[in-house]
C-alpha atoms as a PDB file:
ATOM      1  CA  UNK A   1     -97.068  14.507  -6.752  1.00  0.00           C
ATOM      2  CA  UNK A   2     -98.674  11.150  -7.599  1.00  0.00           C
ATOM      3  CA  UNK A   3     -98.912   8.499  -4.895  1.00  0.00           C
ATOM      4  CA  UNK A   4     -96.319   5.754  -4.919  1.00  0.00           C
ATOM      5  CA  UNK A   5     -97.208   2.298  -6.142  1.00  0.00           C
ATOM      6  CA  UNK A   6     -97.524  -0.698  -3.871  1.00  0.00           C
ATOM      7  CA  UNK A   7     -94.330  -2.181  -5.311  1.00  0.00           C
ATOM      8  CA  UNK A   8     -92.440   1.071  -4.591  1.00  0.00           C
ATOM      9  CA  UNK A   9     -93.810   1.113  -1.034  1.00  0.00           C
ATOM     10  CA  UNK A  10     -92.735  -2.489  -0.448  1.00  0.00           C
ATOM     11  CA  UNK A  11     -89.265  -1.820  -1.912  1.00  0.00           C
ATOM     12  CA  UNK A  12     -88.777   1.219   0.339  1.00  0.00           C
ATOM     13  CA  UNK A  13     -89.806  -0.688   3.455  1.00  0.00           C
ATOM     14  CA  UNK A  14     -87.437  -3.526   2.517  1.00  0.00           C
ATOM     15  CA  UNK A  15     -84.554  -1.053   1.964  1.00  0.00           C
ATOM     16  CA  UNK A  16     -85.110   0.604   5.341  1.00  0.00           C
ATOM     17  CA  UNK A  17     -85.299  -2.742   7.153  1.00  0.00           C
ATOM     18  CA  UNK A  18     -82.039  -3.800   5.476  1.00  0.00           C
ATOM     19  CA  UNK A  19     -80.379  -0.490   6.402  1.00  0.00           C
ATOM     20  CA  UNK A  20     -81.403  -0.899  10.061  1.00  0.00           C
ATOM     21  CA  UNK A  21     -80.206  -4.515  10.049  1.00  0.00           C
ATOM     22  CA  UNK A  22     -76.815  -3.365   8.794  1.00  0.00           C
ATOM     23  CA  UNK A  23     -76.702  -0.456  11.266  1.00  0.00           C
ATOM     24  CA  UNK A  24     -77.086  -3.013  14.042  1.00  0.00           C
ATOM     25  CA  UNK A  25     -73.859  -4.702  12.887  1.00  0.00           C
ATOM     26  CA  UNK A  26     -71.957  -1.417  13.454  1.00  0.00           C
ATOM     27  CA  UNK A  27     -69.971  -2.042  10.230  1.00  0.00           C
ATOM     28  CA  UNK A  28     -69.295   1.475   8.932  1.00  0.00           C
ATOM     29  CA  UNK A  29     -68.430   0.457   5.372  1.00  0.00           C
ATOM     30  CA  UNK A  30     -71.542  -1.714   5.109  1.00  0.00           C
ATOM     31  CA  UNK A  31     -73.714   1.088   6.515  1.00  0.00           C
ATOM     32  CA  UNK A  32     -72.356   3.558   3.983  1.00  0.00           C
ATOM     33  CA  UNK A  33     -73.004   1.084   1.168  1.00  0.00           C
ATOM     34  CA  UNK A  34     -76.745   1.339   1.926  1.00  0.00           C
ATOM     35  CA  UNK A  35     -76.780   4.982   0.834  1.00  0.00           C
ATOM     36  CA  UNK A  36     -77.174   5.973  -2.797  1.00  0.00           C
ATOM     37  CA  UNK A  37     -75.001   8.264  -4.879  1.00  0.00           C
ATOM     38  CA  UNK A  38     -76.250  11.256  -2.893  1.00  0.00           C
ATOM     39  CA  UNK A  39     -77.221  10.987   0.722  1.00  0.00           C
ATOM     40  CA  UNK A  40     -78.404  12.937   3.707  1.00  0.00           C
ATOM     41  CA  UNK A  41     -79.250  11.785   7.197  1.00  0.00           C
ATOM     42  CA  UNK A  42     -81.280  13.551   9.871  1.00  0.00           C
ATOM     43  CA  UNK A  43     -80.260  12.630  13.406  1.00  0.00           C
ATOM     44  CA  UNK A  44     -81.232  14.461  16.558  1.00  0.00           C
ATOM     45  CA  UNK A  45     -82.607  17.346  14.484  1.00  0.00           C
ATOM     46  CA  UNK A  46     -79.235  17.804  12.768  1.00  0.00           C
ATOM     47  CA  UNK A  47     -78.969  17.281   9.018  1.00  0.00           C
ATOM     48  CA  UNK A  48     -75.828  15.548   7.755  1.00  0.00           C
ATOM     49  CA  UNK A  49     -75.548  16.082   3.990  1.00  0.00           C
ATOM     50  CA  UNK A  50     -73.224  14.161   1.696  1.00  0.00           C
ATOM     51  CA  UNK A  51     -71.254  10.965   2.144  1.00  0.00           C
ATOM     52  CA  UNK A  52     -68.448  12.603   4.139  1.00  0.00           C
ATOM     53  CA  UNK A  53     -70.836  14.138   6.670  1.00  0.00           C
ATOM     54  CA  UNK A  54     -72.907  10.968   7.030  1.00  0.00           C
ATOM     55  CA  UNK A  55     -69.773   8.835   7.376  1.00  0.00           C
ATOM     56  CA  UNK A  56     -68.422  11.229  10.038  1.00  0.00           C
ATOM     57  CA  UNK A  57     -71.704  10.952  11.967  1.00  0.00           C
ATOM     58  CA  UNK A  58     -71.652   7.164  11.880  1.00  0.00           C
ATOM     59  CA  UNK A  59     -67.910   7.117  12.578  1.00  0.00           C
ATOM     60  CA  UNK A  60     -68.434   9.182  15.715  1.00  0.00           C
ATOM     61  CA  UNK A  61     -71.101   6.725  16.830  1.00  0.00           C
ATOM     62  CA  UNK A  62     -68.774   3.802  16.161  1.00  0.00           C
ATOM     63  CA  UNK A  63     -65.851   5.452  17.966  1.00  0.00           C
ATOM     64  CA  UNK A  64     -68.080   6.140  20.958  1.00  0.00           C
ATOM     65  CA  UNK A  65     -68.961   2.434  20.892  1.00  0.00           C
ATOM     66  CA  UNK A  66     -72.636   3.186  20.858  1.00  0.00           C
ATOM     67  CA  UNK A  67     -74.376  -0.139  21.175  1.00  0.00           C
ATOM     68  CA  UNK A  68     -77.886   0.948  20.309  1.00  0.00           C
ATOM     69  CA  UNK A  69     -80.078  -1.319  18.261  1.00  0.00           C
ATOM     70  CA  UNK A  70     -82.689   0.096  15.930  1.00  0.00           C
ATOM     71  CA  UNK A  71     -86.211  -1.154  15.524  1.00  0.00           C
ATOM     72  CA  UNK A  72     -89.369   0.151  13.958  1.00  0.00           C
ATOM     73  CA  UNK A  73     -92.086   1.896  15.925  1.00  0.00           C
ATOM     74  CA  UNK A  74     -93.976   3.246  12.923  1.00  0.00           C
ATOM     75  CA  UNK A  75     -93.469   3.807   9.211  1.00  0.00           C
ATOM     76  CA  UNK A  76     -94.090   6.834   7.030  1.00  0.00           C
ATOM     77  CA  UNK A  77     -93.464   6.410   3.330  1.00  0.00           C
ATOM     78  CA  UNK A  78     -93.962   9.348   1.049  1.00  0.00           C
ATOM     79  CA  UNK A  79     -93.716  10.042  -2.624  1.00  0.00           C
ATOM     80  CA  UNK A  80     -90.464  11.990  -2.135  1.00  0.00           C
ATOM     81  CA  UNK A  81     -88.605   8.995  -0.720  1.00  0.00           C
ATOM     82  CA  UNK A  82     -86.166   7.388  -3.144  1.00  0.00           C
END
């Protein structure tokens, strides 16, 4: 697989930062809007595949009134990332 371009890398970092910013608002509809036409989400070693599963995961977090805030510790951007 060829390496990603610098512009692709920058776009991916920007998309992830925007997703985390929206997660920190705890707005479920806005969070879901950050996912593409197909989505999957890995949380706590559990894979949530498809919009319904991802929405249920985030909905459970919202219902539990989780007040976590996300921030970056490190970044890993690979060629397989959208």
